[in-house]
Amino acid sequence: MGINIRPEKTSDIQNIDDVTVAAFLNAPHTDHTEQFIVKALRDSGALTISLIAEDSVQIIGHVALSPVAISCGSDGWYGLGPISVTPKEQGKGVGSKLMHAAIVELKKLNANGCVLLGDPNYYHRFGFKPLDSLIPPDVPAEYFQALVLQDADPKGTVTYHESFSEQD
């Protein structure tokens, strides 16, 4: 089965919502608001990168990236997430393909870097690691990681877009 990664289209929005709900339905450590976050990012114009993974039949994955603010004033930083893969496709490399494509898109934007909240054992393979110089926004520090794409490590507190407070 070939997987195609491409930017979202307007006609994909409901399917992206469905994939996101399904991906996090039984996930631990979630408040099940991921689909609302993606919608709020899109509605506010802050969904900078939105990529879908599709097989020959349907959308099976999605990744969202949006700008983050760092208190030191460093710009060109983005937050990755949520990233979603339908449960039956998890563990088959779909998430990895989305991650690699997202990093390529960030480089095209000349981004300075990217932060995310997730399993260090998984995201380390893409170059993400905790940075002592970045203070996470009310999340466990060991799960808050960054990928520096250019320039020096920024120093300060990271603030995600207000859409991450969306509840419905």
Protein backbone atom coordinates (compact mmCIF):
# COMPACT_ATOMS: atom_id res chain seq x y z
CA MET A 1 0.00 0.00 0.00
CA GLY A 2 1.44 3.35 -1.02
CA ILE A 3 1.02 6.34 1.23
CA ASN A 4 0.70 9.81 -0.29
CA ILE A 5 1.46 12.90 1.82
CA ARG A 6 -0.01 16.19 0.62
CA PRO A 7 -1.36 19.51 1.91
CA GLU A 8 -4.94 19.49 3.10
CA LYS A 9 -7.75 20.66 0.82
CA THR A 10 -11.05 22.15 1.96
CA SER A 11 -12.77 18.90 1.00
CA ASP A 12 -10.53 17.03 3.50
CA ILE A 13 -11.65 18.93 6.61
CA GLN A 14 -14.35 16.50 7.83
CA ASN A 15 -12.10 13.51 7.19
CA ILE A 16 -9.25 15.17 9.11
CA ASP A 17 -11.65 15.71 12.02
CA ASP A 18 -12.72 12.04 11.89
CA VAL A 19 -9.10 10.80 11.78
CA THR A 20 -8.14 13.04 14.71
CA VAL A 21 -11.07 11.87 16.86
CA ALA A 22 -10.32 8.20 16.07
CA ALA A 23 -6.58 8.57 16.68
CA PHE A 24 -7.03 9.97 20.19
CA LEU A 25 -10.16 8.06 21.22
CA ASN A 26 -8.31 5.57 23.43
CA ALA A 27 -5.06 7.48 23.87
CA PRO A 28 -3.80 8.12 27.40
CA HIS A 29 -2.95 11.63 28.58
CA THR A 30 -5.46 13.50 26.44
CA ASP A 31 -8.51 15.62 27.09
CA HIS A 32 -9.90 14.71 23.63
CA THR A 33 -9.88 18.27 22.30
CA GLU A 34 -7.39 17.69 19.46
CA GLN A 35 -10.01 18.02 16.70
CA PHE A 36 -11.16 21.33 18.21
CA ILE A 37 -7.57 22.60 18.29
CA VAL A 38 -7.09 21.84 14.59
CA LYS A 39 -10.38 23.57 13.73
CA ALA A 40 -9.52 26.63 15.86
CA LEU A 41 -6.05 26.88 14.30
CA ARG A 42 -7.58 26.68 10.83
CA ASP A 43 -10.35 29.19 11.64
CA SER A 44 -7.86 31.70 13.09
CA GLY A 45 -5.45 31.42 10.16
CA ALA A 46 -2.73 29.94 12.41
CA LEU A 47 -2.63 26.50 10.79
CA THR A 48 0.63 27.16 8.97
CA ILE A 49 1.18 23.60 7.76
CA SER A 50 -1.54 20.97 7.50
CA LEU A 51 -0.56 17.72 5.82
CA ILE A 52 -2.60 14.60 5.30
CA ALA A 53 -1.56 11.02 4.70
CA GLU A 54 -3.79 9.02 2.39
CA ASP A 55 -3.75 5.51 1.07
CA SER A 56 -5.51 4.60 -2.17
CA VAL A 57 -8.90 4.81 -0.46
CA GLN A 58 -8.97 7.39 2.33
CA ILE A 59 -7.21 9.82 4.64
CA ILE A 60 -5.39 7.87 7.36
CA GLY A 61 -3.28 10.55 9.03
CA HIS A 62 -2.82 14.26 9.62
CA VAL A 63 -0.25 16.63 11.11
CA ALA A 64 -0.71 20.26 12.08
CA LEU A 65 1.94 22.94 12.65
CA SER A 66 1.37 26.42 13.98
CA PRO A 67 3.53 29.33 15.18
CA VAL A 68 4.68 29.46 18.80
CA ALA A 69 6.02 32.45 20.72
CA ILE A 70 9.22 32.30 22.76
CA SER A 71 9.68 34.91 25.48
CA CYS A 72 13.21 35.80 24.28
CA GLY A 73 11.66 37.09 21.05
CA SER A 74 13.13 34.41 18.80
CA ASP A 75 10.84 34.04 15.82
CA GLY A 76 10.37 31.40 13.16
CA TRP A 77 9.45 28.70 15.67
CA TYR A 78 6.52 26.33 15.26
CA GLY A 79 4.62 23.84 17.35
CA LEU A 80 3.92 20.42 15.89
CA GLY A 81 0.65 18.87 16.85
CA PRO A 82 -1.61 17.32 16.94
CA ILE A 83 -0.39 14.47 14.77
CA SER A 84 -2.99 11.80 14.16
CA VAL A 85 -3.03 8.36 12.54
CA THR A 86 -6.09 6.12 12.42
CA PRO A 87 -5.79 3.30 14.95
CA LYS A 88 -5.58 0.48 12.39
CA GLU A 89 -2.71 2.26 10.61
CA GLN A 90 -0.69 3.10 13.72
CA GLY A 91 2.68 1.38 13.90
CA LYS A 92 2.96 1.09 10.11
CA GLY A 93 5.15 4.14 9.41
CA VAL A 94 2.40 6.64 8.57
CA GLY A 95 3.34 8.92 11.46
CA SER A 96 7.00 8.81 10.44
CA LYS A 97 6.13 9.81 6.88
CA LEU A 98 4.06 12.72 8.21
CA MET A 99 6.91 13.79 10.53
CA HIS A 100 9.51 13.74 7.76
CA ALA A 101 7.20 15.69 5.42
CA ALA A 102 6.45 18.24 8.16
CA ILE A 103 10.16 18.83 8.75
CA VAL A 104 10.72 19.31 5.00
CA GLU A 105 7.91 21.91 4.96
CA LEU A 106 9.42 23.72 7.96
CA LYS A 107 12.75 23.91 6.17
CA LYS A 108 11.00 25.38 3.11
CA LEU A 109 9.66 28.12 5.41
CA ASN A 110 13.20 28.76 6.72
CA ALA A 111 11.88 28.00 10.20
CA ASN A 112 14.33 28.27 13.07
CA GLY A 113 12.86 25.28 14.82
CA CYS A 114 9.93 23.28 16.07
CA VAL A 115 8.65 22.18 19.47
CA LEU A 116 6.31 19.39 20.42
CA LEU A 117 4.91 17.50 23.35
CA GLY A 118 5.32 13.75 23.02
CA ASP A 119 7.13 10.53 23.75
CA PRO A 120 10.90 11.20 23.71
CA ASN A 121 11.58 7.61 22.60
CA TYR A 122 9.53 8.19 19.46
CA TYR A 123 10.44 11.77 18.50
CA HIS A 124 14.19 11.42 19.14
CA ARG A 125 14.52 9.64 15.79
CA PHE A 126 13.51 12.88 14.03
CA GLY A 127 16.08 14.96 15.90
CA PHE A 128 13.85 16.28 18.69
CA LYS A 129 15.32 16.54 22.18
CA PRO A 130 14.66 18.45 25.39
CA LEU A 131 16.37 21.86 25.53
CA ASP A 132 17.19 23.19 28.97
CA SER A 133 16.92 26.70 27.55
CA LEU A 134 13.22 26.32 26.72
CA ILE A 135 10.60 26.38 29.42
CA PRO A 136 7.53 24.33 28.54
CA PRO A 137 4.01 25.70 28.95
CA ASP A 138 2.61 23.80 31.95
CA VAL A 139 3.56 20.36 30.66
CA PRO A 140 6.01 17.73 31.91
CA ALA A 141 9.48 18.90 30.85
CA GLU A 142 10.65 15.41 29.86
CA TYR A 143 7.98 15.28 27.13
CA PHE A 144 8.60 18.78 25.80
CA GLN A 145 11.15 18.63 22.98
CA ALA A 146 12.60 20.84 20.28
CA LEU A 147 14.23 20.49 16.90
CA VAL A 148 16.62 23.34 16.10
CA LEU A 149 16.76 23.84 12.34
CA GLN A 150 19.00 26.92 12.24
CA ASP A 151 20.50 29.53 14.54
CA ALA A 152 21.21 29.02 18.21
CA ASP A 153 18.99 27.48 20.86
CA PRO A 154 16.42 30.03 21.99
CA LYS A 155 15.99 30.79 25.67
CA GLY A 156 12.65 31.40 27.31
CA THR A 157 9.11 30.28 27.89
CA VAL A 158 7.19 28.81 24.96
CA THR A 159 3.60 29.87 24.37
CA TYR A 160 1.37 27.98 21.97
CA HIS A 161 -1.33 29.68 19.91
CA GLU A 162 -4.52 30.43 21.84
CA SER A 163 -6.29 27.73 19.80
CA PHE A 164 -4.68 25.14 22.07
CA SER A 165 -7.13 26.28 24.74
CA GLU A 166 -10.12 25.34 22.58
CA GLN A 167 -12.54 22.92 24.19
CA ASP A 168 -15.22 22.66 21.51
